[in-house]
Protein backbone atom coordinates (compact mmCIF):
# COMPACT_ATOMS: atom_id res chain seq x y z
CA MET A 1 -49.47 -47.09 53.94
CA THR A 2 -46.85 -45.61 51.97
CA ALA A 3 -43.83 -47.79 50.84
CA LYS A 4 -40.34 -47.16 50.58
CA SER A 5 -38.54 -48.12 47.74
CA LEU A 6 -34.74 -49.69 46.90
CA MET A 7 -33.20 -50.01 43.82
CA PHE A 8 -31.15 -52.82 42.19
CA MET A 9 -29.40 -51.76 39.29
CA GLY A 10 -26.43 -53.91 37.74
CA THR A 11 -22.86 -53.00 35.90
CA GLY A 12 -23.98 -55.25 32.79
CA SER A 13 -27.06 -57.94 31.90
CA ASP A 14 -27.58 -61.03 33.75
CA VAL A 15 -25.99 -60.12 36.60
CA GLY A 16 -28.31 -61.63 38.96
CA LYS A 17 -30.63 -58.64 39.53
CA SER A 18 -33.90 -60.40 38.93
CA LEU A 19 -33.01 -63.50 41.28
CA LEU A 20 -31.68 -61.18 43.95
CA VAL A 21 -35.20 -59.28 44.13
CA ALA A 22 -37.47 -62.68 43.92
CA GLY A 23 -35.33 -63.82 47.14
CA LEU A 24 -35.35 -60.50 48.70
CA CYS A 25 -39.09 -60.63 48.31
CA ARG A 26 -39.67 -63.74 49.75
CA ALA A 27 -37.21 -62.97 52.64
CA LEU A 28 -38.91 -59.69 53.75
CA ALA A 29 -42.76 -61.51 52.99
CA ASN A 30 -41.02 -64.10 55.50
CA ARG A 31 -40.49 -61.50 58.12
CA GLY A 32 -44.11 -60.25 57.79
CA HIS A 33 -43.81 -57.10 55.32
CA ALA A 34 -46.21 -56.45 52.45
CA VAL A 35 -43.86 -56.22 49.87
CA ALA A 36 -43.65 -55.57 46.12
CA PRO A 37 -41.38 -56.20 43.24
CA PHE A 38 -41.29 -53.42 40.35
CA LYS A 39 -39.60 -53.08 37.38
CA PRO A 40 -40.11 -49.87 35.14
CA GLN A 41 -39.30 -51.23 31.59
CA ASN A 42 -38.39 -54.67 30.56
CA MET A 43 -37.23 -56.39 27.66
CA SER A 44 -38.61 -59.94 27.06
CA ASN A 45 -40.59 -62.13 25.08
CA ASN A 46 -40.83 -64.58 28.27
CA ALA A 47 -44.18 -62.86 29.94
CA ALA A 48 -47.12 -63.88 32.27
CA VAL A 49 -50.47 -62.79 32.09
CA THR A 50 -51.60 -60.86 35.27
CA ALA A 51 -54.55 -60.95 37.42
CA ASP A 52 -55.63 -57.72 36.02
CA GLY A 53 -55.97 -59.09 32.42
CA GLY A 54 -52.62 -57.74 31.02
CA GLU A 55 -49.03 -58.87 30.80
CA ILE A 56 -45.60 -58.43 32.55
CA GLY A 57 -42.18 -59.97 32.28
CA ARG A 58 -42.20 -63.29 33.69
CA ALA A 59 -39.55 -62.66 36.31
CA GLN A 60 -41.84 -60.03 37.88
CA ALA A 61 -44.71 -62.47 38.14
CA LEU A 62 -42.10 -64.78 39.76
CA GLN A 63 -41.33 -62.03 42.02
CA ALA A 64 -44.83 -61.38 42.69
CA ARG A 65 -45.31 -64.84 43.95
CA ALA A 66 -42.38 -64.73 46.02
CA CYS A 67 -43.98 -61.51 47.68
CA ARG A 68 -46.66 -64.02 47.70
CA ARG A 69 -49.27 -61.43 45.83
CA GLU A 70 -51.06 -61.66 42.66
CA PRO A 71 -49.04 -60.26 39.76
CA VAL A 72 -50.52 -57.12 38.38
CA THR A 73 -49.76 -55.06 35.38
CA ALA A 74 -48.46 -52.07 37.90
CA MET A 75 -45.64 -54.38 38.56
CA ASN A 76 -43.97 -53.90 35.31
CA PRO A 77 -45.83 -50.84 33.68
CA VAL A 78 -43.43 -51.11 30.33
CA LEU A 79 -42.69 -54.16 28.54
CA LEU A 80 -41.05 -54.67 25.38
CA LYS A 81 -41.06 -57.95 23.42
CA PRO A 82 -38.41 -58.05 20.57
CA GLU A 83 -40.26 -58.99 16.74
CA HIS A 84 -37.18 -58.67 14.79
CA GLU A 85 -33.94 -57.01 14.51
CA SER A 86 -34.67 -53.67 15.19
CA GLY A 87 -37.93 -53.31 16.36
CA ALA A 88 -40.58 -54.79 19.13
CA GLN A 89 -44.07 -54.64 20.56
CA VAL A 90 -44.79 -52.28 22.94
CA ILE A 91 -46.82 -53.04 26.16
CA VAL A 92 -48.04 -50.65 28.36
CA ARG A 93 -49.45 -51.38 31.55
CA GLY A 94 -50.15 -55.02 30.38
CA GLN A 95 -51.66 -54.11 26.79
CA ARG A 96 -50.19 -53.96 23.34
CA ILE A 97 -50.13 -50.23 21.93
CA GLY A 98 -48.54 -51.01 18.67
CA SER A 99 -45.13 -52.13 17.25
CA MET A 100 -42.30 -49.71 16.86
CA PRO A 101 -38.71 -49.64 15.34
CA ALA A 102 -36.02 -49.41 17.97
CA ARG A 103 -34.95 -45.66 16.90
CA ASP A 104 -38.62 -44.61 17.33
CA TYR A 105 -39.11 -46.01 20.72
CA TRP A 106 -36.03 -44.88 22.43
CA ARG A 107 -36.96 -41.14 21.07
CA ARG A 108 -40.35 -41.30 22.76
CA ARG A 109 -39.76 -43.53 25.67
CA GLY A 110 -39.38 -40.60 27.92
CA GLU A 111 -43.11 -39.92 27.24
CA LEU A 112 -43.76 -42.56 29.26
CA LEU A 113 -42.21 -41.77 32.78
CA PRO A 114 -45.27 -40.37 34.10
CA GLU A 115 -46.96 -43.95 33.67
CA VAL A 116 -44.19 -45.39 35.15
CA VAL A 117 -44.14 -43.33 38.07
CA ALA A 118 -48.31 -43.83 38.65
CA ALA A 119 -47.98 -47.53 38.56
CA HIS A 120 -45.27 -47.34 41.19
CA ALA A 121 -46.91 -44.93 43.28
CA GLU A 122 -50.15 -47.21 42.74
CA LEU A 123 -48.08 -50.03 44.20
CA ALA A 124 -46.71 -47.88 47.04
CA GLU A 125 -50.24 -47.39 48.36
CA ARG A 126 -50.48 -51.44 49.47
CA ALA A 127 -46.82 -52.33 50.33
CA ASP A 128 -44.42 -51.59 53.13
CA TYR A 129 -41.38 -51.82 50.62
CA ILE A 130 -40.87 -52.10 46.74
CA LEU A 131 -37.84 -53.79 45.52
CA VAL A 132 -37.12 -52.20 42.03
CA GLU A 133 -35.33 -53.79 39.39
CA GLY A 134 -33.16 -52.02 36.72
CA ALA A 135 -32.81 -53.08 33.31
CA GLY A 136 -29.38 -53.98 31.76
CA SER A 137 -26.26 -51.76 32.60
CA ALA A 138 -26.43 -48.72 34.68
CA SER A 139 -23.47 -47.31 33.01
CA GLU A 140 -24.97 -47.07 29.48
CA VAL A 141 -24.59 -43.71 29.28
CA ASN A 142 -25.84 -43.30 25.75
CA LEU A 143 -28.71 -44.44 26.70
CA ARG A 144 -29.32 -42.05 29.58
CA ARG A 145 -31.58 -39.23 27.82
CA GLY A 146 -34.91 -40.21 28.15
CA ASP A 147 -34.31 -42.95 30.14
CA ILE A 148 -36.97 -44.56 32.18
CA ALA A 149 -35.66 -47.88 33.27
CA ASN A 150 -32.22 -47.08 35.53
CA PHE A 151 -31.58 -43.50 36.43
CA GLY A 152 -34.29 -42.16 34.92
CA PHE A 153 -36.59 -43.63 37.07
CA ALA A 154 -34.42 -43.36 39.92
CA ARG A 155 -34.27 -39.56 39.82
CA ALA A 156 -37.93 -39.16 39.20
CA ILE A 157 -38.90 -40.87 42.81
CA THR A 158 -35.31 -40.43 44.50
CA ALA A 159 -35.09 -44.01 45.14
CA PRO A 160 -31.63 -45.12 46.79
CA VAL A 161 -29.49 -47.99 44.20
CA VAL A 162 -27.90 -50.51 45.39
CA LEU A 163 -25.12 -51.33 42.42
CA ILE A 164 -24.75 -55.40 41.44
CA GLY A 165 -21.42 -56.61 40.15
CA ASP A 166 -20.84 -60.15 38.75
CA ILE A 167 -17.75 -61.65 39.85
CA GLN A 168 -18.38 -64.64 37.93
CA ARG A 169 -18.06 -62.36 34.63
CA GLY A 170 -14.31 -61.16 35.73
CA GLY A 171 -13.43 -57.49 36.59
CA VAL A 172 -16.10 -57.24 39.12
CA ILE A 173 -13.79 -54.32 40.80
CA ALA A 174 -13.73 -52.31 37.76
CA SER A 175 -16.99 -52.83 36.91
CA LEU A 176 -18.19 -51.53 40.35
CA VAL A 177 -15.83 -48.80 40.66
CA GLY A 178 -15.95 -47.90 36.84
CA THR A 179 -19.42 -47.46 36.93
CA LEU A 180 -19.39 -44.63 39.60
CA ALA A 181 -16.79 -43.10 37.45
CA VAL A 182 -18.60 -42.74 34.24
CA ILE A 183 -22.09 -41.78 34.84
CA ASP A 184 -23.72 -38.37 35.87
CA PRO A 185 -22.74 -37.26 39.63
CA ASP A 186 -26.18 -36.70 40.02
CA ASP A 187 -27.15 -40.35 39.17
CA ALA A 188 -24.06 -41.61 41.25
CA ALA A 189 -25.24 -39.63 44.07
CA LEU A 190 -28.40 -42.07 44.50
CA ILE A 191 -26.04 -45.08 44.87
CA ALA A 192 -26.26 -45.95 48.82
CA ALA A 193 -24.12 -49.32 48.25
CA THR A 194 -22.44 -51.97 45.84
CA LEU A 195 -23.07 -55.61 45.99
CA VAL A 196 -20.27 -58.73 44.21
CA ASN A 197 -22.81 -61.78 43.28
CA LYS A 198 -22.55 -64.92 42.35
CA PHE A 199 -19.31 -65.66 44.48
CA GLN A 200 -17.68 -68.98 44.60
CA GLY A 201 -15.05 -70.12 46.81
CA ASP A 202 -14.19 -68.61 50.13
CA PRO A 203 -15.26 -65.43 50.93
CA ALA A 204 -12.29 -64.30 52.89
CA LEU A 205 -10.29 -64.46 49.81
CA PHE A 206 -12.30 -61.45 48.61
CA GLU A 207 -12.02 -59.03 51.47
CA ASP A 208 -9.31 -57.12 50.32
CA GLY A 209 -11.38 -56.41 47.05
CA ARG A 210 -14.43 -55.36 49.12
CA SER A 211 -12.17 -52.98 51.02
CA PHE A 212 -10.75 -51.78 47.44
CA ILE A 213 -14.59 -51.26 46.22
CA ALA A 214 -15.65 -49.78 49.66
CA GLU A 215 -12.52 -47.23 49.36
CA ARG A 216 -12.53 -45.90 45.71
CA THR A 217 -16.44 -45.82 45.77
CA GLY A 218 -17.14 -44.41 49.45
CA LEU A 219 -20.03 -46.71 49.88
CA PRO A 220 -20.55 -49.70 51.63
CA CYS A 221 -19.76 -53.13 49.53
CA LEU A 222 -22.49 -55.90 50.48
CA GLY A 223 -21.78 -59.54 50.01
CA PRO A 224 -20.15 -61.12 48.51
CA VAL A 225 -23.39 -63.75 48.11
CA PRO A 226 -22.51 -66.69 46.98
CA TRP A 227 -23.77 -68.70 44.01
CA PHE A 228 -26.87 -69.91 44.26
CA GLY A 229 -27.11 -73.67 42.52
CA ALA A 230 -30.95 -74.34 42.81
CA ALA A 231 -31.84 -70.96 40.79
CA ALA A 232 -32.04 -73.54 37.84
CA LYS A 233 -34.94 -74.47 39.37
CA LEU A 234 -36.79 -71.07 39.05
CA PRO A 235 -38.32 -69.96 35.64
CA ALA A 236 -35.88 -67.57 34.09
CA GLU A 237 -36.83 -64.42 32.22
CA ASP A 238 -33.83 -63.78 29.59
CA VAL A 239 -33.33 -66.61 26.84
CA LEU A 240 -29.47 -66.24 27.82
CA ALA A 241 -30.59 -68.82 30.01
CA LEU A 242 -31.32 -71.25 27.52
CA GLU A 243 -28.15 -71.14 25.86
CA ALA A 244 -26.62 -71.60 28.91
CA VAL A 245 -27.47 -75.05 29.45
CA GLU A 246 -28.60 -77.22 25.83
CA ALA A 247 -29.64 -80.62 27.61
CA ARG A 248 -31.27 -81.35 30.89
CA GLY A 249 -31.64 -84.41 32.26
CA GLN A 250 -30.92 -88.04 31.53
CA GLY A 251 -34.39 -89.41 31.91
CA PRO A 252 -35.80 -92.06 29.32
CA PHE A 253 -38.33 -90.00 27.81
CA SER A 254 -36.54 -87.34 25.28
CA ILE A 255 -37.90 -84.43 24.21
CA VAL A 256 -36.30 -82.07 21.73
CA VAL A 257 -36.93 -78.67 21.21
CA PRO A 258 -35.54 -76.43 18.25
CA ARG A 259 -34.21 -73.15 19.41
CA LEU A 260 -36.17 -70.48 17.77
CA PRO A 261 -34.59 -66.94 16.97
CA ARG A 262 -37.59 -65.52 18.64
CA ILE A 263 -38.84 -68.13 20.83
CA SER A 264 -41.25 -66.71 23.40
CA ASN A 265 -42.83 -68.10 27.10
CA PHE A 266 -40.35 -70.89 26.98
CA ASP A 267 -40.62 -71.14 30.85
CA ASP A 268 -43.54 -73.62 29.60
CA LEU A 269 -40.48 -76.20 29.39
CA ASP A 270 -39.59 -75.57 32.82
CA PRO A 271 -41.35 -78.38 34.37
CA LEU A 272 -40.25 -80.99 32.01
CA ARG A 273 -36.66 -80.15 32.36
CA LEU A 274 -37.12 -81.16 36.28
CA GLU A 275 -38.62 -84.33 35.61
CA PRO A 276 -36.51 -87.07 36.65
CA GLY A 277 -38.00 -89.41 34.02
CA VAL A 278 -37.37 -86.77 30.97
CA SER A 279 -34.30 -85.75 28.87
CA LEU A 280 -34.67 -82.49 27.59
CA GLU A 281 -32.48 -80.77 24.74
CA ILE A 282 -32.89 -77.38 23.59
CA VAL A 283 -31.13 -77.92 19.85
CA THR A 284 -29.22 -74.90 18.38
CA PRO A 285 -29.05 -73.66 15.10
CA GLY A 286 -26.58 -75.52 12.64
CA ASN A 287 -27.63 -78.62 14.60
CA PRO A 288 -30.04 -81.41 13.19
CA LEU A 289 -32.79 -82.30 15.30
CA PRO A 290 -31.72 -85.74 17.12
CA PRO A 291 -34.04 -88.44 17.52
CA ALA A 292 -36.74 -88.57 20.07
CA ASP A 293 -40.08 -89.32 21.66
CA LEU A 294 -41.30 -85.70 21.48
CA ILE A 295 -40.54 -82.74 19.95
CA ILE A 296 -41.85 -79.44 20.98
CA ILE A 297 -42.33 -76.17 18.83
CA PRO A 298 -42.55 -73.74 21.17
CA GLY A 299 -44.06 -70.32 21.34
CA SER A 300 -42.90 -67.48 19.21
CA LYS A 301 -43.18 -63.95 18.57
CA ALA A 302 -42.84 -63.57 15.00
CA THR A 303 -44.06 -66.74 13.71
CA ARG A 304 -43.70 -66.61 10.27
CA ALA A 305 -40.18 -65.43 10.73
CA ASP A 306 -39.42 -68.09 13.10
CA LEU A 307 -41.35 -70.66 10.55
CA ALA A 308 -38.97 -69.45 8.08
CA ALA A 309 -35.93 -69.90 9.90
CA LEU A 310 -36.89 -73.24 11.28
CA ARG A 311 -36.90 -74.18 7.35
CA HIS A 312 -33.79 -72.33 6.85
CA GLU A 313 -32.12 -74.80 9.50
CA GLY A 314 -33.72 -78.24 7.94
CA TRP A 315 -35.76 -78.68 11.10
CA ASP A 316 -38.96 -78.97 8.93
CA VAL A 317 -37.39 -81.99 7.18
CA ASP A 318 -36.25 -83.41 10.79
CA ILE A 319 -40.27 -82.94 12.29
CA LEU A 320 -41.70 -84.36 9.10
CA ALA A 321 -39.18 -87.58 9.51
CA HIS A 322 -39.62 -87.69 13.32
CA HIS A 323 -43.32 -87.92 12.69
CA ARG A 324 -43.09 -90.55 9.60
CA GLN A 325 -41.22 -92.86 12.24
CA GLY A 326 -43.77 -92.77 14.86
CA GLY A 327 -42.95 -89.81 16.91
CA ARG A 328 -45.08 -87.30 18.70
CA VAL A 329 -45.31 -83.33 17.59
CA LEU A 330 -46.64 -80.69 20.14
CA GLY A 331 -46.80 -77.20 19.28
CA ILE A 332 -47.73 -74.62 21.72
CA CYS A 333 -48.99 -71.35 20.71
CA GLY A 334 -46.48 -69.99 17.84
CA GLY A 335 -45.73 -73.54 17.45
CA TYR A 336 -49.12 -74.87 16.93
CA GLN A 337 -49.63 -72.02 14.19
CA MET A 338 -46.32 -73.18 12.41
CA LEU A 339 -48.04 -76.86 12.40
CA GLY A 340 -51.09 -75.93 10.21
CA ARG A 341 -51.58 -75.42 6.69
CA THR A 342 -51.23 -71.64 6.67
CA ILE A 343 -50.69 -68.54 8.65
CA ALA A 344 -51.82 -65.21 7.09
CA ASP A 345 -51.13 -61.90 8.35
CA PRO A 346 -53.09 -59.60 6.20
CA ASP A 347 -52.30 -56.31 8.82
CA GLY A 348 -48.55 -56.84 9.33
CA ILE A 349 -48.66 -57.41 12.60
CA GLU A 350 -45.69 -59.51 12.90
CA GLY A 351 -43.95 -58.24 9.84
CA PRO A 352 -44.36 -57.54 6.22
CA PRO A 353 -48.35 -58.57 5.25
CA GLY A 354 -48.53 -61.79 3.63
CA THR A 355 -49.59 -65.83 4.01
CA SER A 356 -46.85 -67.99 4.74
CA PRO A 357 -47.66 -72.05 4.32
CA GLY A 358 -47.37 -73.98 7.43
CA LEU A 359 -45.81 -77.46 7.83
CA GLY A 360 -49.07 -79.24 6.95
CA MET A 361 -49.42 -81.57 9.90
CA LEU A 362 -52.43 -80.20 11.42
CA ALA A 363 -55.68 -79.54 9.31
CA VAL A 364 -56.03 -75.77 10.29
CA ASP A 365 -55.53 -72.15 9.18
CA THR A 366 -54.15 -69.28 11.23
CA VAL A 367 -55.15 -65.67 10.92
CA LEU A 368 -53.19 -63.23 12.88
CA ALA A 369 -55.39 -60.37 14.23
CA PRO A 370 -54.43 -56.85 16.05
CA LYS A 371 -56.61 -58.07 19.68
CA LYS A 372 -53.85 -59.63 21.63
CA GLN A 373 -55.93 -62.39 23.88
CA LEU A 374 -54.64 -62.61 27.40
CA ARG A 375 -56.66 -64.57 29.81
CA LEU A 376 -55.54 -66.92 32.78
CA GLU A 377 -57.57 -70.36 32.09
CA ALA A 378 -58.55 -73.56 33.90
CA ALA A 379 -58.90 -76.28 31.36
CA THR A 380 -59.29 -80.09 31.09
CA ALA A 381 -56.83 -82.06 28.85
CA THR A 382 -58.63 -84.23 26.23
CA LEU A 383 -55.94 -87.06 26.11
CA THR A 384 -55.57 -87.81 30.05
CA GLY A 385 -58.77 -86.36 31.32
CA GLN A 386 -56.62 -84.38 33.78
CA PRO A 387 -57.24 -80.45 34.96
CA LEU A 388 -54.80 -77.91 33.96
CA ALA A 389 -54.26 -74.62 34.51
CA GLY A 390 -52.67 -71.96 31.89
CA TYR A 391 -53.08 -68.94 29.96
CA HIS A 392 -53.69 -67.32 27.00
CA MET A 393 -51.45 -64.87 25.00
CA HIS A 394 -51.84 -64.80 21.42
CA MET A 395 -52.91 -62.91 18.14
CA GLY A 396 -54.07 -65.49 16.02
CA VAL A 397 -57.22 -67.54 15.41
CA SER A 398 -56.80 -71.09 14.32
CA GLU A 399 -59.48 -72.72 12.85
CA GLY A 400 -59.83 -76.14 10.51
CA PRO A 401 -61.03 -79.88 10.77
CA ASP A 402 -58.49 -81.04 13.03
CA THR A 403 -60.07 -78.35 15.85
CA ALA A 404 -63.02 -81.27 15.89
CA ARG A 405 -60.21 -83.14 17.96
CA PRO A 406 -58.95 -80.85 20.55
CA PHE A 407 -56.34 -80.58 23.26
CA ALA A 408 -58.15 -79.12 26.02
CA HIS A 409 -61.57 -77.93 26.94
CA ILE A 410 -62.19 -74.68 28.86
CA ALA A 411 -65.53 -74.39 30.43
CA GLY A 412 -66.82 -76.84 28.01
CA VAL A 413 -65.43 -75.18 24.93
CA PRO A 414 -62.67 -76.95 22.62
CA GLU A 415 -58.94 -75.44 22.58
CA GLY A 416 -56.61 -76.72 20.04
CA ALA A 417 -56.36 -79.65 17.60
CA THR A 418 -54.92 -82.56 17.23
CA SER A 419 -54.55 -84.93 13.80
CA ALA A 420 -56.42 -87.63 12.76
CA ASP A 421 -53.19 -90.18 13.85
CA GLY A 422 -53.36 -88.69 17.20
CA ARG A 423 -49.52 -87.82 17.12
CA VAL A 424 -49.91 -84.36 16.33
CA THR A 425 -51.26 -81.96 19.00
CA GLY A 426 -51.22 -78.20 18.86
CA THR A 427 -52.55 -75.86 21.58
CA TYR A 428 -52.47 -71.79 22.39
CA LEU A 429 -52.25 -73.04 26.48
CA HIS A 430 -49.16 -71.81 27.88
CA GLY A 431 -47.90 -73.06 31.20
CA LEU A 432 -49.71 -76.48 30.84
CA PHE A 433 -46.91 -78.62 32.08
CA ALA A 434 -46.86 -76.80 35.70
CA ALA A 435 -50.06 -78.94 36.48
CA ASP A 436 -48.29 -82.27 37.66
CA GLY A 437 -51.47 -84.84 37.10
CA PHE A 438 -51.65 -83.81 33.46
CA ARG A 439 -47.81 -83.31 32.99
CA HIS A 440 -47.46 -87.45 34.57
CA GLY A 441 -49.99 -88.35 31.97
CA PHE A 442 -48.51 -86.54 28.71
CA ILE A 443 -45.06 -88.41 29.20
CA GLY A 444 -46.90 -91.50 30.32
CA ALA A 445 -44.49 -94.35 31.77
CA ALA A 446 -41.25 -91.98 32.12
CA ALA A 447 -43.17 -90.29 35.22
CA THR A 448 -43.94 -93.76 37.10
CA GLY A 449 -42.52 -92.90 40.35
CA SER A 450 -42.26 -89.45 39.98
CA THR A 451 -42.67 -87.29 43.00
CA LEU A 452 -41.90 -83.92 41.45
CA ALA A 453 -44.73 -81.29 42.60
CA TYR A 454 -43.58 -78.48 40.43
CA GLU A 455 -45.53 -75.46 41.95
CA THR A 456 -44.43 -76.66 45.45
CA GLU A 457 -40.68 -76.98 44.61
CA ILE A 458 -41.13 -73.61 42.97
CA ASP A 459 -41.80 -72.44 46.49
CA THR A 460 -39.54 -74.45 48.54
CA THR A 461 -36.90 -73.06 46.21
CA LEU A 462 -37.74 -69.22 46.76
CA ASP A 463 -37.63 -70.06 50.50
CA ALA A 464 -34.21 -71.47 50.21
CA LEU A 465 -33.03 -68.56 48.49
CA ALA A 466 -34.38 -66.33 50.82
CA ALA A 467 -32.84 -68.20 53.37
CA HIS A 468 -29.37 -67.95 51.71
CA LEU A 469 -29.85 -64.15 51.44
CA GLU A 470 -30.32 -63.96 55.21
CA ARG A 471 -26.87 -65.87 55.71
CA HIS A 472 -24.92 -63.90 53.34
CA LEU A 473 -26.70 -60.23 53.73
CA ASP A 474 -27.12 -58.03 56.53
CA LEU A 475 -30.99 -57.55 55.57
CA ASP A 476 -31.30 -55.00 58.39
CA ALA A 477 -28.62 -53.15 56.88
CA LEU A 478 -30.01 -53.35 53.53
CA LEU A 479 -34.00 -52.36 54.33
CA ALA A 480 -31.86 -49.08 56.23
CA LEU A 481 -30.88 -48.03 52.62
CA ALA A 482 -34.53 -47.73 51.57
CA LEU A 483 -36.41 -44.51 51.23
């Protein structure tokens, strides 16, 4: 079996590439095709652990689910996880190879092209179609040399490209026509069609615009694809999704989350924001943490730096006051580390070597270590006795007296920590709230009568997205473009 490939690039970031690929993956799977997602290079702090023991971008994990297949590292062979303003952790085939300043990575990234092409070839042996997602903007000609994410990869395998524009941003005609005008002619020759995404209103009103794009580019203009509002139910990869909606729900159980500068794995919150009994608020810098039933300190890609930022905002004072007044606090991964007494980074893994005092709400001390722990886990929650599934993705070890009161047990081994008063908890387990029984037990009375079956909701939404694309795109014509 040798797959045909079709690549989807955007005129800019956040034009809907990830969602379109996920929907098309499910549509093709529903038609009986063996299909796989692929993203040569991704940049995101929202990652997922794969079946083969590595990590990939969250969007590719969702796309794999849409294909009804297990996520594997070949689906996203290069993942960049920003740690600070000018550098990132570099993940190749699911494993961390180190951290690099942006300048060094951009100079050396071309060396990874053979690895990327090999990963694609590996998937092609077990699929009818591979749907490839580009990164950022296809028109960033200043980044073209050494590129492995967009046309550099497309040229390497001669992949036809569908160029996507977002009509919500305005200027979609200029962005589509202009992209073909500024890129290298040999790159432009790979573009097989354009596509207008996120349309709202009467599609007939855009018919002249569609004809103009087709005339000026000499390519078919697909769509427009109408806005798909239910996309908000699906896990998001880009942190921009957090900034689009600061609060969700009007339920009686209030949860507040400080928006850390380097927040990671924020999809941990997704099941909570869909719960009808929950009100979830992401608090942005410059605002105090309001009163709540629960404060969740989320994961972080640079724990000590984000702890310093949390203190700079005065959120440490808010969290401590919340606890004194009887409130509950949950720290997940980096948030767990922040709740402890100290965080030591002797090897400078996340920044300059040193030790930072934690919030002191849990009697644990953390030492960061070079080896990243990446494991899918099945656990039992200590508080509720409910089973939950999640994953570990961290580079630290936390030890201390409060680990004698664990958050959960994994194969009989205690995990996490709880304070003596039972109101402060820390865990390294990501994905914990996807388990309906545990989630309902954790939020207590607010879940009474809840019918949310989270995993079922995700699959139902993917099927609805696939049906949406079947209605508004000629999928047979789209598939005919693949080579």
